[in-house]
Amino acid sequence: MEMTEAFFGVGLQGGSWCRNLTWCAQRKETNLGSSDHMGRRAEFVGILSDDQLQNPDFYNWNKVKVRYCDGASFSGNVEEEFQDGTPFFFRGQRIWEAVMSELLSKGLSRAKEAFLTGCSAGGLSTYINCDDFRALVPKASTVKCLADGGFFLDVEDISGRRYMRGFYNDVARLQDLRKKFTHCSSDMEPGQCIFPREVAKGIHTPMFILNPAYDVWQVEHVLSPEGSDPERLWQNCRLDITKCDSKQLETLQGFRKELLDAISEFKKKKDWGMFINACFIHCQSMNSLTWHSPSAPRINNKTIAESVGDWFFNRREYANDTLIIAKGTTDAAKHLKRILDNFAAATGLQINFTKTTFIPLNVDPQDATQMTSDLAINISSFPQT
């Protein structure tokens, strides 16, 4: 199909957050804090690429990359311009609204299909703004969202503290985010409201969760942040999984379980999809190698691009997807698949292997580099009739 106004893809840039005025002042001098420091050109790769070989389903869409500079995932809306005598504009919500207004005037309002995506802090913003994006294009037949590497966890770090909750508490107070998250109860800390596990509970628009089970950014900044490891025992492991000892690998497996438990809450959401692989990586949709290439991670022999395309265009429609987490070896997972194959043959029912990942818990440290999606088996239930 030719490129027309009918198809719009919007990608939100990531880049962490700033938790206090000192951090934000430093960001002001970078491309993540001011458009004065942004390059005039942006790279469009992965899901934003116009190369059909790299991006088979969305290559000929109108695509927009939204730069990130507010430090709070496009969520702040503080009226005051000065903080301690220094000008700061914590108005990410207004940036979001201004960008959307501009896009609506340039054809988004006439889109038949629209796709909001985001990576990292942009992935978190995708969770936050997904329903709003849907509301902006009511005439579109299909509006969906994809959050890549944005499912940040509210878990204890290796010292026993909830570092990320404290971090988000600071961001929420600095940018007055409590009023943004109306789903938050009064007994919750403001930072708790920001985590995707809470935000996603209220999302009605179809969402695709793309996340590595061993998110390298979260391993470094959530699980083993600065200050949590005074003896620097995690210095090598947090940067390279092949340098983790057996105890550290056990901790990583615990982190993986926390992620799988958290996202399992959303497996029954209508028209949602997931791609959870075991790569030691962060964002994958805006990377040509991981999105769709000969070396790209695969689940059920499909790349991320193929899996997302199948989901977005409803090329495979299944009801009542069942999440099964296997605590065992790859051989055990294969054995379970054989049992289900035999069951399908005996009953005449079709079982399709999609969406849920088996990852071995007892991988030898020497084989840590093999903890990738080629060890995954995915199980779904029966197709709709």
Protein backbone atom coordinates (compact mmCIF):
# COMPACT_ATOMS: atom_id res chain seq x y z
CA MET A 1 0.00 0.00 0.00
CA GLU A 2 1.13 3.57 -0.66
CA MET A 3 1.85 5.99 2.17
CA THR A 4 -1.24 8.01 2.99
CA GLU A 5 -2.64 9.98 5.90
CA ALA A 6 -4.55 6.84 6.85
CA PHE A 7 -1.66 5.30 8.78
CA PHE A 8 0.19 7.03 11.62
CA GLY A 9 2.89 5.70 13.94
CA VAL A 10 4.11 7.86 16.83
CA GLY A 11 7.27 6.92 18.75
CA LEU A 12 8.09 8.47 22.14
CA GLN A 13 11.79 8.83 22.93
CA GLY A 14 13.15 7.58 26.25
CA GLY A 15 15.88 8.90 28.50
CA SER A 16 15.23 8.28 32.21
CA TRP A 17 13.96 11.05 34.54
CA CYS A 18 15.30 13.76 36.85
CA ARG A 19 14.45 13.51 40.54
CA ASN A 20 15.63 16.86 41.91
CA LEU A 21 16.64 20.33 40.78
CA THR A 22 20.33 19.42 40.66
CA TRP A 23 19.68 16.54 38.29
CA CYS A 24 17.26 18.61 36.23
CA ALA A 25 19.75 21.48 35.97
CA GLN A 26 22.28 19.05 34.54
CA ARG A 27 19.71 17.73 32.07
CA LYS A 28 18.96 21.27 30.90
CA GLU A 29 22.39 21.31 29.30
CA THR A 30 21.72 18.14 27.27
CA ASN A 31 19.36 17.01 24.52
CA LEU A 32 17.18 15.41 27.23
CA GLY A 33 16.48 18.76 28.86
CA SER A 34 16.29 21.38 26.16
CA SER A 35 15.60 21.57 22.44
CA ASP A 36 18.57 23.95 22.25
CA HIS A 37 20.82 20.90 22.50
CA MET A 38 18.91 18.53 20.23
CA GLY A 39 20.38 17.53 16.90
CA ARG A 40 18.51 18.57 13.79
CA ARG A 41 18.23 14.99 12.57
CA ALA A 42 16.79 11.94 14.31
CA GLU A 43 17.40 8.28 13.52
CA PHE A 44 14.39 6.29 12.33
CA VAL A 45 15.14 2.60 12.74
CA GLY A 46 13.31 -0.51 13.89
CA ILE A 47 9.59 0.12 14.14
CA LEU A 48 10.14 3.63 12.73
CA SER A 49 12.17 2.49 9.72
CA ASP A 50 11.00 3.05 6.14
CA ASP A 51 12.89 -0.06 4.99
CA GLN A 52 10.46 -2.87 4.20
CA LEU A 53 13.09 -5.51 4.93
CA GLN A 54 13.68 -4.07 8.39
CA ASN A 55 10.08 -3.09 9.16
CA PRO A 56 7.71 -5.24 7.06
CA ASP A 57 4.37 -4.06 8.46
CA PHE A 58 4.87 -0.36 9.19
CA TYR A 59 7.58 0.75 6.74
CA ASN A 60 5.22 2.88 4.62
CA TRP A 61 3.31 4.54 7.46
CA ASN A 62 3.61 8.19 8.39
CA LYS A 63 5.94 8.05 11.39
CA VAL A 64 6.79 10.65 13.99
CA LYS A 65 9.51 10.53 16.64
CA VAL A 66 8.73 12.72 19.64
CA ARG A 67 11.81 14.09 21.41
CA TYR A 68 11.92 13.81 25.21
CA CYS A 69 13.02 16.72 27.40
CA ASP A 70 10.68 17.12 30.40
CA GLY A 71 12.19 14.52 32.74
CA ALA A 72 8.86 12.95 33.74
CA SER A 73 7.61 10.90 30.78
CA PHE A 74 5.49 13.73 29.36
CA SER A 75 3.44 13.95 32.58
CA GLY A 76 4.35 17.11 34.49
CA ASN A 77 2.18 20.23 34.48
CA VAL A 78 3.63 22.70 37.00
CA GLU A 79 2.44 26.28 36.62
CA GLU A 80 5.38 27.95 38.40
CA GLU A 81 8.31 28.76 36.12
CA PHE A 82 10.93 29.24 38.82
CA GLN A 83 12.28 26.73 41.31
CA ASP A 84 14.74 28.16 43.86
CA GLY A 85 15.26 31.15 41.59
CA THR A 86 16.12 29.07 38.53
CA PRO A 87 13.72 28.76 35.56
CA PHE A 88 12.41 25.23 35.08
CA PHE A 89 9.46 24.21 32.97
CA PHE A 90 8.02 20.97 34.28
CA ARG A 91 5.31 20.80 31.66
CA GLY A 92 5.63 17.50 29.85
CA GLN A 93 1.86 17.12 29.73
CA ARG A 94 1.64 20.37 27.78
CA ILE A 95 4.37 19.17 25.41
CA TRP A 96 2.35 16.00 24.79
CA GLU A 97 -0.80 18.03 24.12
CA ALA A 98 1.01 20.46 21.80
CA VAL A 99 2.61 17.65 19.79
CA MET A 100 -0.70 15.83 19.46
CA SER A 101 -2.44 19.03 18.37
CA GLU A 102 0.18 19.54 15.67
CA LEU A 103 -0.12 15.95 14.46
CA LEU A 104 -3.91 16.13 14.37
CA SER A 105 -3.64 19.12 12.05
CA LYS A 106 -1.22 17.23 9.82
CA GLY A 107 -3.42 14.21 9.22
CA LEU A 108 -3.60 12.20 12.43
CA SER A 109 -7.23 13.28 12.83
CA ARG A 110 -8.03 11.45 9.59
CA ALA A 111 -6.07 8.30 10.38
CA LYS A 112 -7.74 4.95 9.90
CA GLU A 113 -5.04 3.20 11.89
CA ALA A 114 -2.78 4.71 14.55
CA PHE A 115 -0.05 3.22 16.69
CA LEU A 116 1.56 4.85 19.76
CA THR A 117 4.90 3.36 20.78
CA GLY A 118 7.65 4.32 23.17
CA CYS A 119 10.95 3.08 24.55
CA SER A 120 12.08 3.15 28.20
CA ALA A 121 10.79 6.41 29.75
CA GLY A 122 8.88 6.76 26.49
CA GLY A 123 7.48 3.29 27.11
CA LEU A 124 6.25 4.43 30.52
CA SER A 125 4.70 7.46 28.81
CA THR A 126 2.96 5.09 26.41
CA TYR A 127 1.25 3.40 29.34
CA ILE A 128 0.33 6.80 30.76
CA ASN A 129 -0.99 8.35 27.54
CA CYS A 130 -2.36 5.37 25.62
CA ASP A 131 -6.05 5.97 26.33
CA ASP A 132 -5.65 9.69 25.66
CA PHE A 133 -4.11 8.87 22.27
CA ARG A 134 -7.09 6.64 21.49
CA ALA A 135 -9.50 9.45 22.40
CA LEU A 136 -7.76 11.85 20.01
CA VAL A 137 -8.55 9.73 16.95
CA PRO A 138 -12.09 8.46 17.57
CA LYS A 139 -12.76 7.87 13.87
CA ALA A 140 -9.83 5.48 13.46
CA SER A 141 -10.82 1.85 13.11
CA THR A 142 -7.68 0.65 14.87
CA VAL A 143 -5.68 2.39 17.60
CA LYS A 144 -3.19 0.42 19.65
CA CYS A 145 -0.11 1.04 21.80
CA LEU A 146 3.22 -0.67 22.36
CA ALA A 147 5.39 -0.07 25.44
CA ASP A 148 8.98 -1.19 24.91
CA GLY A 149 11.25 -1.66 27.92
CA GLY A 150 8.85 0.45 29.97
CA PHE A 151 7.55 -2.00 32.55
CA PHE A 152 9.62 -0.72 35.47
CA LEU A 153 9.27 -2.71 38.68
CA ASP A 154 8.64 -1.60 42.25
CA VAL A 155 10.99 -4.13 43.85
CA GLU A 156 13.69 -4.21 46.50
CA ASP A 157 17.24 -3.70 45.34
CA ILE A 158 20.12 -5.90 46.48
CA SER A 159 20.44 -3.89 49.71
CA GLY A 160 16.77 -4.39 50.60
CA ARG A 161 15.63 -0.85 49.78
CA ARG A 162 12.99 0.10 47.24
CA TYR A 163 15.28 2.49 45.41
CA MET A 164 13.06 2.98 42.38
CA ARG A 165 10.02 3.84 44.49
CA GLY A 166 12.04 6.51 46.27
CA PHE A 167 13.26 7.80 42.92
CA TYR A 168 9.72 8.02 41.55
CA ASN A 169 8.54 9.65 44.80
CA ASP A 170 11.00 12.46 44.15
CA VAL A 171 9.94 12.83 40.51
CA ALA A 172 6.26 12.86 41.48
CA ARG A 173 6.72 15.53 44.15
CA LEU A 174 8.98 17.68 41.99
CA GLN A 175 6.57 17.70 39.05
CA ASP A 176 3.32 17.45 41.02
CA LEU A 177 2.26 14.19 39.38
CA ARG A 178 -0.25 13.05 41.99
CA LYS A 179 -3.07 14.90 40.20
CA LYS A 180 -2.12 13.16 36.93
CA PHE A 181 -2.68 9.68 38.31
CA THR A 182 -6.29 9.66 39.43
CA HIS A 183 -6.18 5.88 39.89
CA CYS A 184 -3.95 6.34 42.95
CA SER A 185 -5.45 5.76 46.38
CA SER A 186 -4.67 8.18 49.21
CA ASP A 187 -2.70 5.57 51.15
CA MET A 188 -0.22 5.05 48.30
CA GLU A 189 3.07 6.89 48.06
CA PRO A 190 3.10 9.24 45.04
CA GLY A 191 5.89 7.25 43.40
CA GLN A 192 3.85 4.05 43.50
CA CYS A 193 1.30 5.63 41.17
CA ILE A 194 3.86 5.89 38.35
CA PHE A 195 4.75 2.22 38.04
CA PRO A 196 3.20 0.53 34.99
CA ARG A 197 1.73 -2.20 37.17
CA GLU A 198 -0.58 0.47 38.61
CA VAL A 199 -1.04 2.60 35.48
CA ALA A 200 -1.90 -0.36 33.25
CA LYS A 201 -4.82 -1.42 35.43
CA GLY A 202 -6.84 1.47 34.06
CA ILE A 203 -5.88 1.19 30.37
CA HIS A 204 -8.73 0.28 28.00
CA THR A 205 -6.90 0.58 24.67
CA PRO A 206 -5.19 -2.58 23.33
CA MET A 207 -1.58 -2.61 24.56
CA PHE A 208 1.44 -4.71 23.61
CA ILE A 209 3.99 -5.24 26.39
CA LEU A 210 7.49 -5.71 24.99
CA ASN A 211 10.04 -6.30 27.71
CA PRO A 212 13.12 -8.41 28.33
CA ALA A 213 12.89 -10.57 31.43
CA TYR A 214 16.46 -9.49 32.25
CA ASP A 215 16.10 -5.77 31.52
CA VAL A 216 19.68 -4.53 31.57
CA TRP A 217 18.67 -0.97 32.55
CA GLN A 218 16.66 -2.25 35.49
CA VAL A 219 19.40 -4.66 36.55
CA GLU A 220 21.76 -1.69 36.71
CA HIS A 221 19.45 1.01 38.10
CA VAL A 222 16.61 -0.79 39.91
CA LEU A 223 18.14 -4.03 41.16
CA SER A 224 21.70 -2.83 41.84
CA PRO A 225 21.65 1.00 41.82
CA GLU A 226 24.51 3.20 42.98
CA GLY A 227 24.82 2.99 46.77
CA SER A 228 23.30 -0.48 47.05
CA ASP A 229 26.61 -2.24 46.48
CA PRO A 230 29.33 -0.56 48.60
CA GLU A 231 31.67 -3.52 48.18
CA ARG A 232 31.17 -3.38 44.39
CA LEU A 233 30.38 -7.09 44.21
CA TRP A 234 27.87 -6.44 41.43
CA GLN A 235 30.10 -4.12 39.43
CA ASN A 236 30.79 -6.65 36.69
CA CYS A 237 27.53 -8.60 36.79
CA ARG A 238 25.31 -5.53 36.44
CA LEU A 239 26.99 -4.73 33.12
CA ASP A 240 27.60 -8.22 31.74
CA ILE A 241 25.47 -11.24 32.64
CA THR A 242 28.26 -13.64 31.68
CA LYS A 243 30.25 -12.28 34.66
CA CYS A 244 27.57 -13.06 37.26
CA ASP A 245 28.24 -15.77 39.82
CA SER A 246 25.66 -18.41 40.77
CA LYS A 247 24.21 -16.34 43.63
CA GLN A 248 23.84 -13.28 41.41
CA LEU A 249 22.17 -15.39 38.72
CA GLU A 250 19.73 -16.58 41.35
CA THR A 251 18.95 -12.95 42.18
CA LEU A 252 18.41 -12.23 38.48
CA GLN A 253 16.03 -15.18 38.28
CA GLY A 254 14.11 -13.68 41.19
CA PHE A 255 13.88 -10.40 39.30
CA ARG A 256 12.60 -12.25 36.24
CA LYS A 257 9.92 -13.90 38.35
CA GLU A 258 8.86 -10.52 39.74
CA LEU A 259 8.41 -9.25 36.18
CA LEU A 260 6.46 -12.30 35.03
CA ASP A 261 4.24 -12.16 38.09
CA ALA A 262 3.55 -8.46 37.51
CA ILE A 263 2.63 -8.75 33.85
CA SER A 264 0.56 -11.89 34.44
CA GLU A 265 -2.13 -9.58 35.85
CA PHE A 266 -2.75 -8.30 32.33
CA LYS A 267 -2.81 -11.56 30.39
CA LYS A 268 -6.61 -11.59 30.41
CA LYS A 269 -7.01 -8.03 29.16
CA LYS A 270 -8.93 -8.08 25.91
CA ASP A 271 -6.78 -7.67 22.80
CA TRP A 272 -3.52 -7.21 24.71
CA GLY A 273 -0.30 -8.88 23.60
CA MET A 274 3.12 -9.61 25.06
CA PHE A 275 6.63 -10.50 23.93
CA ILE A 276 8.80 -11.29 26.96
CA ASN A 277 12.18 -12.68 25.99
CA ALA A 278 15.23 -13.54 28.05
CA CYS A 279 17.74 -11.22 26.43
CA PHE A 280 20.03 -9.02 28.55
CA ILE A 281 18.92 -5.81 26.85
CA HIS A 282 16.60 -2.83 27.37
CA CYS A 283 14.72 -1.38 24.37
CA GLN A 284 14.17 -3.55 21.30
CA SER A 285 11.60 -1.93 18.99
CA MET A 286 13.79 1.02 17.98
CA ASN A 287 16.80 -1.15 17.22
CA SER A 288 17.11 -2.65 13.75
CA LEU A 289 18.96 -5.75 14.96
CA THR A 290 16.47 -6.72 17.65
CA TRP A 291 13.31 -5.57 15.87
CA HIS A 292 13.68 -7.62 12.70
CA SER A 293 16.92 -9.11 11.42
CA PRO A 294 18.49 -12.55 10.95
CA SER A 295 19.96 -12.30 14.47
CA ALA A 296 16.81 -10.86 16.10
CA PRO A 297 15.33 -12.67 19.12
CA ARG A 298 12.43 -14.94 18.25
CA ILE A 299 9.50 -16.52 20.03
CA ASN A 300 7.67 -19.28 18.20
CA ASN A 301 10.09 -18.59 15.33
CA LYS A 302 8.79 -15.05 14.92
CA THR A 303 10.75 -11.84 15.36
CA ILE A 304 9.41 -9.01 17.47
CA ALA A 305 8.32 -7.20 14.29
CA GLU A 306 6.40 -10.24 13.07
CA SER A 307 4.80 -10.86 16.45
CA VAL A 308 3.74 -7.22 16.81
CA GLY A 309 2.42 -7.15 13.24
CA ASP A 310 0.36 -10.30 13.80
CA TRP A 311 -1.11 -8.75 16.94
CA PHE A 312 -1.77 -5.29 15.50
CA PHE A 313 -3.49 -6.56 12.36
CA ASN A 314 -5.28 -9.42 14.12
CA ARG A 315 -3.69 -11.98 11.85
CA ARG A 316 -3.98 -14.54 14.63
CA GLU A 317 -7.00 -14.26 16.88
CA TYR A 318 -7.06 -16.38 19.99
CA ALA A 319 -9.37 -16.33 22.97
CA ASN A 320 -8.63 -17.00 26.62
CA ASP A 321 -4.85 -17.02 26.40
CA THR A 322 -3.41 -19.00 29.29
CA LEU A 323 -0.21 -17.97 31.04
CA ILE A 324 1.94 -20.89 32.17
CA ILE A 325 5.22 -20.18 33.91
CA ALA A 326 7.49 -23.23 33.84
CA LYS A 327 10.08 -23.55 36.58
CA GLY A 328 12.41 -26.07 35.05
CA THR A 329 14.73 -26.86 32.20
CA THR A 330 14.18 -26.41 28.52
CA ASP A 331 13.80 -30.19 28.23
CA ALA A 332 10.95 -30.04 30.74
CA ALA A 333 9.27 -27.35 28.67
CA LYS A 334 9.63 -29.45 25.54
CA HIS A 335 8.19 -32.43 27.40
CA LEU A 336 5.15 -30.37 28.39
CA LYS A 337 4.72 -29.32 24.77
CA ARG A 338 4.73 -32.98 23.69
CA ILE A 339 2.03 -33.75 26.28
CA LEU A 340 -0.12 -30.91 24.97
CA ASP A 341 0.46 -32.00 21.37
CA ASN A 342 -0.76 -35.49 22.26
CA PHE A 343 -3.77 -34.00 24.03
CA ALA A 344 -4.61 -31.92 20.96
CA ALA A 345 -4.32 -34.97 18.70
CA ALA A 346 -6.59 -37.02 20.97
CA THR A 347 -9.28 -34.36 21.32
CA GLY A 348 -9.16 -32.80 17.88
CA LEU A 349 -8.59 -29.38 19.42
CA GLN A 350 -5.88 -27.02 18.21
CA ILE A 351 -3.34 -25.65 20.64
CA ASN A 352 -1.27 -22.71 19.48
CA PHE A 353 2.03 -21.89 21.08
CA THR A 354 2.13 -18.12 21.58
CA LYS A 355 2.66 -15.44 24.19
CA THR A 356 4.01 -17.14 27.32
CA THR A 357 7.69 -17.74 27.85
CA PHE A 358 9.42 -20.70 29.45
CA ILE A 359 12.88 -19.78 30.71
CA PRO A 360 15.05 -22.32 32.52
CA LEU A 361 15.81 -21.53 36.14
CA ASN A 362 18.83 -23.80 36.45
CA VAL A 363 21.02 -22.43 33.69
CA ASP A 364 24.69 -23.03 34.38
CA PRO A 365 26.65 -19.75 34.75
CA GLN A 366 28.84 -20.86 31.85
CA ASP A 367 25.74 -21.00 29.67
CA ALA A 368 24.38 -17.63 30.76
CA THR A 369 24.73 -16.23 27.26
CA GLN A 370 22.26 -18.85 26.08
CA MET A 371 19.42 -17.40 28.18
CA THR A 372 17.70 -15.98 25.14
CA SER A 373 14.37 -16.40 23.48
CA ASP A 374 15.50 -19.45 21.52
CA LEU A 375 14.95 -21.34 24.81
CA ALA A 376 11.36 -20.14 24.96
CA ILE A 377 8.22 -22.15 24.37
CA ASN A 378 4.96 -20.22 24.30
CA ILE A 379 1.58 -21.65 25.10
CA SER A 380 -1.82 -20.23 24.32
CA SER A 381 -5.24 -21.80 24.35
CA PHE A 382 -7.75 -22.35 21.58
CA PRO A 383 -8.69 -20.17 18.60
CA GLN A 384 -12.00 -18.38 18.61
CA THR A 385 -14.79 -20.07 16.69
